[in-house]
N, C-alpha and C. Protein backbone atom coordinates (compact mmCIF):
# COMPACT_ATOMS: atom_id res chain seq x y z
N MET A 1 42.62 -4.67 -43.19
CA MET A 1 43.80 -4.11 -42.58
C MET A 1 43.48 -2.72 -42.02
N SER A 2 43.86 -2.49 -40.80
CA SER A 2 43.57 -1.24 -40.12
C SER A 2 44.58 -0.16 -40.52
N VAL A 3 44.07 1.03 -40.72
CA VAL A 3 44.95 2.18 -41.04
C VAL A 3 45.59 2.64 -39.73
N PRO A 4 46.92 2.80 -39.70
CA PRO A 4 47.58 3.21 -38.46
C PRO A 4 47.17 4.62 -38.03
N LEU A 5 47.27 4.83 -36.74
CA LEU A 5 46.97 6.14 -36.15
C LEU A 5 48.27 6.92 -36.03
N ASP A 6 48.28 8.12 -36.59
CA ASP A 6 49.43 9.01 -36.48
C ASP A 6 49.05 10.19 -35.60
N ILE A 7 49.96 10.59 -34.73
CA ILE A 7 49.78 11.78 -33.90
C ILE A 7 50.79 12.81 -34.39
N ARG A 8 50.30 14.01 -34.65
CA ARG A 8 51.16 15.09 -35.15
C ARG A 8 50.67 16.41 -34.61
N LEU A 9 51.50 17.44 -34.75
CA LEU A 9 51.07 18.79 -34.40
C LEU A 9 50.05 19.28 -35.43
N ALA A 10 49.09 20.03 -34.95
CA ALA A 10 48.12 20.67 -35.85
C ALA A 10 48.81 21.75 -36.65
N ASN A 11 48.28 22.02 -37.83
CA ASN A 11 48.78 23.14 -38.62
C ASN A 11 47.60 24.04 -38.97
N PRO A 12 47.86 25.28 -39.39
CA PRO A 12 46.76 26.22 -39.65
C PRO A 12 45.70 25.69 -40.61
N GLY A 13 46.10 24.87 -41.58
CA GLY A 13 45.14 24.33 -42.53
C GLY A 13 44.17 23.34 -41.92
N ASP A 14 44.45 22.86 -40.71
CA ASP A 14 43.58 21.91 -40.01
C ASP A 14 42.42 22.58 -39.28
N ARG A 15 42.51 23.89 -39.08
CA ARG A 15 41.60 24.56 -38.14
C ARG A 15 40.13 24.28 -38.41
N GLN A 16 39.65 24.44 -39.63
CA GLN A 16 38.22 24.23 -39.89
C GLN A 16 37.82 22.78 -39.65
N GLU A 17 38.68 21.85 -40.02
CA GLU A 17 38.38 20.44 -39.78
C GLU A 17 38.31 20.14 -38.27
N LEU A 18 39.16 20.80 -37.50
CA LEU A 18 39.13 20.63 -36.04
C LEU A 18 37.85 21.22 -35.45
N ILE A 19 37.43 22.37 -35.95
CA ILE A 19 36.18 22.99 -35.48
C ILE A 19 35.00 22.07 -35.81
N ASP A 20 34.99 21.53 -37.00
CA ASP A 20 33.89 20.63 -37.39
C ASP A 20 33.87 19.39 -36.50
N LEU A 21 35.04 18.82 -36.22
CA LEU A 21 35.11 17.66 -35.33
C LEU A 21 34.66 18.03 -33.93
N LEU A 22 35.08 19.21 -33.45
CA LEU A 22 34.67 19.69 -32.13
C LEU A 22 33.15 19.78 -32.04
N TRP A 23 32.51 20.27 -33.10
CA TRP A 23 31.05 20.33 -33.12
C TRP A 23 30.44 18.93 -32.98
N ARG A 24 30.92 18.00 -33.82
CA ARG A 24 30.35 16.64 -33.80
C ARG A 24 30.55 15.99 -32.44
N ALA A 25 31.74 16.11 -31.88
CA ALA A 25 32.02 15.49 -30.58
C ALA A 25 31.21 16.14 -29.46
N SER A 26 31.08 17.45 -29.50
CA SER A 26 30.35 18.16 -28.44
C SER A 26 28.84 17.92 -28.51
N LEU A 27 28.30 17.90 -29.72
CA LEU A 27 26.86 17.71 -29.87
C LEU A 27 26.42 16.28 -29.58
N ALA A 28 27.36 15.38 -29.48
CA ALA A 28 27.02 13.99 -29.14
C ALA A 28 26.51 13.87 -27.71
N TRP A 29 26.81 14.85 -26.88
CA TRP A 29 26.38 14.83 -25.47
C TRP A 29 25.10 15.65 -25.32
N GLU A 30 24.02 15.00 -25.06
CA GLU A 30 22.72 15.66 -24.97
C GLU A 30 22.67 16.73 -23.89
N VAL A 31 23.43 16.53 -22.81
CA VAL A 31 23.38 17.43 -21.66
C VAL A 31 23.77 18.87 -22.02
N VAL A 32 24.58 19.08 -23.06
CA VAL A 32 24.98 20.44 -23.45
C VAL A 32 24.53 20.82 -24.86
N ARG A 33 23.88 19.92 -25.56
CA ARG A 33 23.57 20.13 -26.98
C ARG A 33 22.82 21.43 -27.23
N GLN A 34 21.71 21.65 -26.55
CA GLN A 34 20.90 22.84 -26.85
C GLN A 34 21.64 24.12 -26.50
N GLU A 35 22.38 24.12 -25.39
CA GLU A 35 23.13 25.32 -25.02
C GLU A 35 24.19 25.66 -26.07
N LEU A 36 24.84 24.65 -26.61
CA LEU A 36 25.83 24.90 -27.66
C LEU A 36 25.17 25.41 -28.94
N LEU A 37 24.03 24.83 -29.28
CA LEU A 37 23.31 25.30 -30.47
C LEU A 37 22.85 26.74 -30.30
N ASP A 38 22.50 27.11 -29.07
CA ASP A 38 22.08 28.48 -28.78
C ASP A 38 23.25 29.47 -28.75
N HIS A 39 24.48 28.96 -28.53
CA HIS A 39 25.68 29.81 -28.41
C HIS A 39 26.81 29.23 -29.26
N PRO A 40 26.63 29.20 -30.57
CA PRO A 40 27.65 28.58 -31.44
C PRO A 40 29.01 29.26 -31.38
N GLU A 41 29.06 30.48 -30.91
CA GLU A 41 30.33 31.20 -30.86
C GLU A 41 31.34 30.56 -29.90
N VAL A 42 30.89 29.72 -28.98
CA VAL A 42 31.81 29.11 -28.03
C VAL A 42 32.54 27.90 -28.61
N VAL A 43 32.08 27.41 -29.75
CA VAL A 43 32.73 26.25 -30.37
C VAL A 43 33.74 26.77 -31.39
N ASP A 44 35.01 26.77 -30.98
CA ASP A 44 36.05 27.33 -31.82
C ASP A 44 37.39 26.67 -31.46
N VAL A 45 38.33 26.79 -32.33
CA VAL A 45 39.71 26.35 -32.10
C VAL A 45 40.58 27.58 -32.30
N ASP A 46 41.26 27.98 -31.26
CA ASP A 46 42.07 29.19 -31.26
C ASP A 46 43.28 29.01 -32.19
N PRO A 47 43.39 29.82 -33.23
CA PRO A 47 44.53 29.68 -34.14
C PRO A 47 45.87 29.93 -33.44
N GLU A 48 45.87 30.70 -32.36
CA GLU A 48 47.11 30.94 -31.61
C GLU A 48 47.64 29.66 -30.97
N LEU A 49 46.72 28.79 -30.53
CA LEU A 49 47.15 27.51 -29.95
C LEU A 49 47.80 26.63 -31.01
N ILE A 50 47.28 26.70 -32.22
CA ILE A 50 47.90 25.96 -33.33
C ILE A 50 49.28 26.54 -33.60
N ALA A 51 49.38 27.86 -33.66
CA ALA A 51 50.66 28.53 -33.96
C ALA A 51 51.71 28.24 -32.88
N ARG A 52 51.28 28.06 -31.64
CA ARG A 52 52.21 27.79 -30.53
C ARG A 52 52.46 26.30 -30.32
N ASN A 53 52.03 25.46 -31.27
CA ASN A 53 52.25 24.01 -31.19
C ASN A 53 51.67 23.40 -29.92
N GLN A 54 50.44 23.81 -29.59
CA GLN A 54 49.78 23.30 -28.39
C GLN A 54 48.61 22.37 -28.71
N ILE A 55 48.37 22.11 -29.99
CA ILE A 55 47.30 21.19 -30.39
C ILE A 55 47.91 20.03 -31.16
N PHE A 56 47.57 18.83 -30.70
CA PHE A 56 48.00 17.60 -31.35
C PHE A 56 46.81 16.94 -32.01
N VAL A 57 47.04 16.42 -33.20
CA VAL A 57 46.00 15.82 -34.02
C VAL A 57 46.25 14.32 -34.13
N ALA A 58 45.17 13.54 -34.03
CA ALA A 58 45.23 12.11 -34.33
C ALA A 58 44.64 11.93 -35.72
N GLN A 59 45.38 11.25 -36.56
CA GLN A 59 44.98 11.12 -37.96
C GLN A 59 45.11 9.67 -38.40
N ARG A 60 44.10 9.22 -39.14
CA ARG A 60 44.14 7.90 -39.80
C ARG A 60 44.06 8.15 -41.29
N GLY A 61 45.11 7.81 -41.99
CA GLY A 61 45.15 8.13 -43.42
C GLY A 61 45.10 9.64 -43.57
N ASP A 62 44.17 10.13 -44.36
CA ASP A 62 44.05 11.58 -44.54
C ASP A 62 42.92 12.17 -43.70
N ARG A 63 42.40 11.40 -42.75
CA ARG A 63 41.24 11.84 -41.95
C ARG A 63 41.64 12.13 -40.50
N ILE A 64 41.35 13.34 -40.03
CA ILE A 64 41.57 13.69 -38.63
C ILE A 64 40.45 13.04 -37.81
N VAL A 65 40.83 12.25 -36.81
CA VAL A 65 39.84 11.54 -35.99
C VAL A 65 39.83 12.00 -34.54
N GLY A 66 40.72 12.94 -34.20
CA GLY A 66 40.72 13.47 -32.85
C GLY A 66 41.79 14.53 -32.69
N PHE A 67 41.69 15.28 -31.59
CA PHE A 67 42.73 16.25 -31.26
C PHE A 67 42.70 16.56 -29.78
N ALA A 68 43.83 17.04 -29.29
CA ALA A 68 43.97 17.39 -27.87
C ALA A 68 44.79 18.67 -27.78
N THR A 69 44.50 19.45 -26.75
CA THR A 69 45.15 20.75 -26.55
C THR A 69 45.78 20.80 -25.17
N ILE A 70 46.99 21.29 -25.09
CA ILE A 70 47.68 21.50 -23.82
C ILE A 70 47.97 22.99 -23.67
N VAL A 71 47.77 23.51 -22.46
CA VAL A 71 48.03 24.91 -22.18
C VAL A 71 48.76 25.01 -20.83
N PRO A 72 49.48 26.10 -20.62
CA PRO A 72 50.12 26.30 -19.32
C PRO A 72 49.07 26.43 -18.22
N HIS A 73 49.43 25.99 -17.04
CA HIS A 73 48.57 26.11 -15.86
C HIS A 73 49.40 26.82 -14.80
N GLU A 74 48.74 27.36 -13.80
CA GLU A 74 49.46 28.12 -12.77
C GLU A 74 50.60 27.31 -12.18
N GLY A 75 51.61 28.02 -11.72
CA GLY A 75 52.79 27.36 -11.19
C GLY A 75 53.56 26.72 -12.33
N ASN A 76 54.15 25.60 -12.05
CA ASN A 76 54.92 24.88 -13.08
C ASN A 76 54.12 23.68 -13.57
N ASP A 77 52.83 23.88 -13.81
CA ASP A 77 51.94 22.81 -14.22
C ASP A 77 51.43 23.04 -15.64
N ALA A 78 50.77 22.03 -16.18
CA ALA A 78 50.15 22.11 -17.50
C ALA A 78 48.70 21.67 -17.37
N GLU A 79 47.89 22.07 -18.34
CA GLU A 79 46.48 21.68 -18.34
C GLU A 79 46.11 21.07 -19.69
N LEU A 80 45.45 19.94 -19.61
CA LEU A 80 44.86 19.35 -20.80
C LEU A 80 43.57 20.12 -21.02
N ASP A 81 43.55 20.93 -22.06
CA ASP A 81 42.40 21.80 -22.32
C ASP A 81 41.27 21.05 -23.00
N GLY A 82 41.52 19.84 -23.40
CA GLY A 82 40.46 19.02 -23.98
C GLY A 82 40.98 17.97 -24.92
N ILE A 83 40.28 16.87 -24.95
CA ILE A 83 40.49 15.82 -25.95
C ILE A 83 39.15 15.63 -26.63
N PHE A 84 39.17 15.66 -27.95
CA PHE A 84 37.94 15.47 -28.72
C PHE A 84 38.20 14.41 -29.77
N VAL A 85 37.31 13.44 -29.82
CA VAL A 85 37.44 12.33 -30.76
C VAL A 85 36.16 12.23 -31.57
N GLU A 86 36.33 11.94 -32.84
CA GLU A 86 35.19 11.72 -33.74
C GLU A 86 34.27 10.68 -33.09
N PRO A 87 32.98 11.02 -32.88
CA PRO A 87 32.09 10.07 -32.19
C PRO A 87 32.06 8.67 -32.81
N SER A 88 32.16 8.57 -34.11
CA SER A 88 32.14 7.24 -34.75
C SER A 88 33.42 6.46 -34.44
N ALA A 89 34.43 7.10 -33.85
CA ALA A 89 35.70 6.45 -33.53
C ALA A 89 35.92 6.33 -32.02
N TRP A 90 34.88 6.59 -31.21
CA TRP A 90 35.02 6.45 -29.76
C TRP A 90 35.34 5.01 -29.42
N ARG A 91 36.06 4.85 -28.31
CA ARG A 91 36.42 3.54 -27.75
C ARG A 91 37.33 2.73 -28.67
N GLN A 92 38.19 3.44 -29.40
CA GLN A 92 39.16 2.78 -30.27
C GLN A 92 40.60 3.11 -29.88
N GLY A 93 40.78 3.72 -28.70
CA GLY A 93 42.12 4.04 -28.22
C GLY A 93 42.67 5.38 -28.68
N ILE A 94 41.88 6.12 -29.44
CA ILE A 94 42.36 7.41 -29.96
C ILE A 94 42.54 8.42 -28.84
N GLY A 95 41.57 8.51 -27.95
CA GLY A 95 41.68 9.44 -26.83
C GLY A 95 42.88 9.13 -25.96
N MET A 96 43.14 7.86 -25.69
CA MET A 96 44.28 7.49 -24.85
C MET A 96 45.60 7.77 -25.58
N ALA A 97 45.64 7.55 -26.89
CA ALA A 97 46.86 7.88 -27.65
C ALA A 97 47.14 9.38 -27.57
N LEU A 98 46.10 10.19 -27.68
CA LEU A 98 46.27 11.64 -27.53
C LEU A 98 46.68 12.00 -26.11
N MET A 99 46.11 11.30 -25.12
CA MET A 99 46.48 11.55 -23.72
C MET A 99 47.97 11.29 -23.52
N HIS A 100 48.48 10.20 -24.06
CA HIS A 100 49.90 9.90 -23.91
C HIS A 100 50.77 10.97 -24.57
N GLN A 101 50.33 11.50 -25.70
CA GLN A 101 51.08 12.58 -26.35
C GLN A 101 51.08 13.84 -25.48
N ILE A 102 49.94 14.16 -24.89
CA ILE A 102 49.87 15.33 -24.00
C ILE A 102 50.77 15.12 -22.78
N GLU A 103 50.81 13.91 -22.25
CA GLU A 103 51.70 13.63 -21.12
C GLU A 103 53.17 13.82 -21.51
N ARG A 104 53.54 13.35 -22.70
CA ARG A 104 54.92 13.56 -23.16
C ARG A 104 55.23 15.05 -23.32
N GLU A 105 54.26 15.80 -23.82
CA GLU A 105 54.47 17.24 -23.98
C GLU A 105 54.59 17.93 -22.63
N ALA A 106 53.74 17.55 -21.68
CA ALA A 106 53.83 18.14 -20.33
C ALA A 106 55.20 17.85 -19.71
N LYS A 107 55.69 16.65 -19.94
CA LYS A 107 57.02 16.30 -19.43
C LYS A 107 58.09 17.15 -20.10
N ALA A 108 57.97 17.36 -21.42
CA ALA A 108 58.92 18.20 -22.14
C ALA A 108 58.89 19.64 -21.63
N TRP A 109 57.73 20.08 -21.15
CA TRP A 109 57.60 21.41 -20.57
C TRP A 109 58.15 21.46 -19.15
N SER A 110 58.56 20.32 -18.61
CA SER A 110 59.00 20.18 -17.21
C SER A 110 57.88 20.49 -16.24
N ALA A 111 56.65 20.19 -16.64
CA ALA A 111 55.49 20.41 -15.75
C ALA A 111 55.54 19.41 -14.60
N ASN A 112 55.08 19.83 -13.45
CA ASN A 112 54.99 18.94 -12.29
C ASN A 112 53.71 18.10 -12.32
N ARG A 113 52.61 18.76 -12.71
CA ARG A 113 51.31 18.08 -12.72
C ARG A 113 50.55 18.46 -13.98
N LEU A 114 49.61 17.58 -14.34
CA LEU A 114 48.72 17.81 -15.46
C LEU A 114 47.31 17.90 -14.92
N HIS A 115 46.61 18.98 -15.25
CA HIS A 115 45.26 19.24 -14.77
C HIS A 115 44.26 19.05 -15.91
N VAL A 116 43.02 18.76 -15.56
CA VAL A 116 41.95 18.71 -16.54
C VAL A 116 40.63 19.02 -15.84
N LEU A 117 39.74 19.72 -16.55
CA LEU A 117 38.36 19.89 -16.11
C LEU A 117 37.55 18.90 -16.91
N ALA A 118 37.04 17.88 -16.25
CA ALA A 118 36.37 16.78 -16.95
C ALA A 118 34.86 16.87 -16.83
N SER A 119 34.20 16.70 -17.95
CA SER A 119 32.75 16.53 -17.93
C SER A 119 32.44 15.24 -17.17
N PRO A 120 31.35 15.21 -16.42
CA PRO A 120 31.00 13.96 -15.72
C PRO A 120 30.90 12.76 -16.67
N ASN A 121 30.61 13.01 -17.95
CA ASN A 121 30.51 11.93 -18.93
C ASN A 121 31.82 11.20 -19.16
N VAL A 122 32.96 11.86 -18.92
CA VAL A 122 34.25 11.27 -19.26
C VAL A 122 35.18 11.09 -18.06
N VAL A 123 34.65 11.18 -16.86
CA VAL A 123 35.47 10.99 -15.66
C VAL A 123 36.13 9.61 -15.67
N GLY A 124 35.41 8.60 -16.12
CA GLY A 124 35.97 7.25 -16.16
C GLY A 124 37.21 7.17 -17.04
N PHE A 125 37.19 7.86 -18.16
CA PHE A 125 38.35 7.90 -19.06
C PHE A 125 39.55 8.50 -18.33
N TYR A 126 39.35 9.65 -17.69
CA TYR A 126 40.46 10.31 -17.02
C TYR A 126 40.94 9.53 -15.81
N THR A 127 40.05 8.88 -15.10
CA THR A 127 40.46 8.02 -13.99
C THR A 127 41.33 6.88 -14.51
N ALA A 128 40.93 6.28 -15.62
CA ALA A 128 41.72 5.20 -16.23
C ALA A 128 43.09 5.71 -16.68
N ALA A 129 43.19 6.99 -17.00
CA ALA A 129 44.46 7.59 -17.42
C ALA A 129 45.31 8.02 -16.23
N GLY A 130 44.83 7.79 -15.01
CA GLY A 130 45.63 8.09 -13.82
C GLY A 130 45.32 9.39 -13.12
N PHE A 131 44.28 10.09 -13.54
CA PHE A 131 43.90 11.34 -12.87
C PHE A 131 43.11 11.05 -11.60
N GLU A 132 43.22 11.94 -10.64
CA GLU A 132 42.43 11.86 -9.41
C GLU A 132 41.59 13.11 -9.27
N ARG A 133 40.39 12.90 -8.78
CA ARG A 133 39.44 14.00 -8.58
C ARG A 133 39.90 14.86 -7.41
N THR A 134 39.87 16.19 -7.62
CA THR A 134 40.24 17.10 -6.53
C THR A 134 39.16 18.11 -6.21
N GLY A 135 38.08 18.13 -6.99
CA GLY A 135 37.00 19.08 -6.71
C GLY A 135 36.05 19.20 -7.88
N GLU A 136 35.27 20.27 -7.86
CA GLU A 136 34.32 20.57 -8.93
C GLU A 136 34.43 22.05 -9.29
N GLN A 137 34.06 22.37 -10.50
CA GLN A 137 34.05 23.76 -10.94
C GLN A 137 32.85 24.00 -11.83
N LYS A 138 32.10 25.04 -11.55
CA LYS A 138 30.94 25.40 -12.37
C LYS A 138 31.42 25.81 -13.75
N MET A 139 30.72 25.33 -14.75
CA MET A 139 31.06 25.66 -16.13
C MET A 139 29.96 26.54 -16.72
N ARG A 140 30.25 27.16 -17.85
CA ARG A 140 29.26 28.03 -18.49
C ARG A 140 28.03 27.23 -18.90
N PHE A 141 28.24 26.01 -19.39
CA PHE A 141 27.13 25.16 -19.84
C PHE A 141 27.22 23.80 -19.15
N GLY A 142 26.07 23.19 -18.99
CA GLY A 142 26.02 21.82 -18.50
C GLY A 142 26.33 21.71 -17.02
N PRO A 143 26.53 20.48 -16.57
CA PRO A 143 26.81 20.24 -15.15
C PRO A 143 28.21 20.72 -14.78
N ALA A 144 28.45 20.79 -13.47
CA ALA A 144 29.77 21.19 -12.99
C ALA A 144 30.82 20.22 -13.51
N ALA A 145 31.99 20.75 -13.85
CA ALA A 145 33.10 19.92 -14.29
C ALA A 145 33.80 19.35 -13.08
N ILE A 146 34.37 18.19 -13.25
CA ILE A 146 35.16 17.56 -12.20
C ILE A 146 36.61 18.00 -12.41
N VAL A 147 37.20 18.59 -11.37
CA VAL A 147 38.60 19.02 -11.41
C VAL A 147 39.45 17.80 -11.10
N MET A 148 40.38 17.48 -12.00
CA MET A 148 41.21 16.30 -11.83
C MET A 148 42.68 16.66 -12.09
N VAL A 149 43.58 15.89 -11.47
CA VAL A 149 45.01 16.16 -11.60
C VAL A 149 45.77 14.85 -11.52
N LYS A 150 46.95 14.84 -12.16
CA LYS A 150 47.84 13.71 -12.04
C LYS A 150 49.27 14.24 -12.12
N PRO A 151 50.20 13.55 -11.44
CA PRO A 151 51.60 13.97 -11.57
C PRO A 151 52.12 13.65 -12.96
N VAL A 152 53.05 14.46 -13.42
CA VAL A 152 53.70 14.20 -14.70
C VAL A 152 54.87 13.28 -14.40
N ALA A 153 54.87 12.11 -14.99
CA ALA A 153 55.91 11.12 -14.71
C ALA A 153 57.20 11.47 -15.41
């Protein structure tokens, strides 16, 4: 029997577990692994985002298996600041469940569009979620990110 997936707001006590998950998910991609190991200070979860109810957690039982962050974007838009899923739980619908939660939150914010900077590794995921490519942006590490956007329904 499968343990159901629950989506909830992050709380301050989740922060270290989210950082640890962020490390595991980020280091799974070889293209940025060494740069992250050389600059561990960039792997963090801002406690202010937790306090402002901008991080949603996917949980199975008592285990956090993913999280997503939404932040304001210029104009009346919102930005998906990232979705991170436990690598051992990839391709199980967790990322899409978090995406749907972020879309509901963007709608609650009355955002017109939802933006994301996507690693080339996950463009297919965001395309499947309805995002369209609008450009590229150089990132601190790794290849250029793909700038993507979708209307908030």
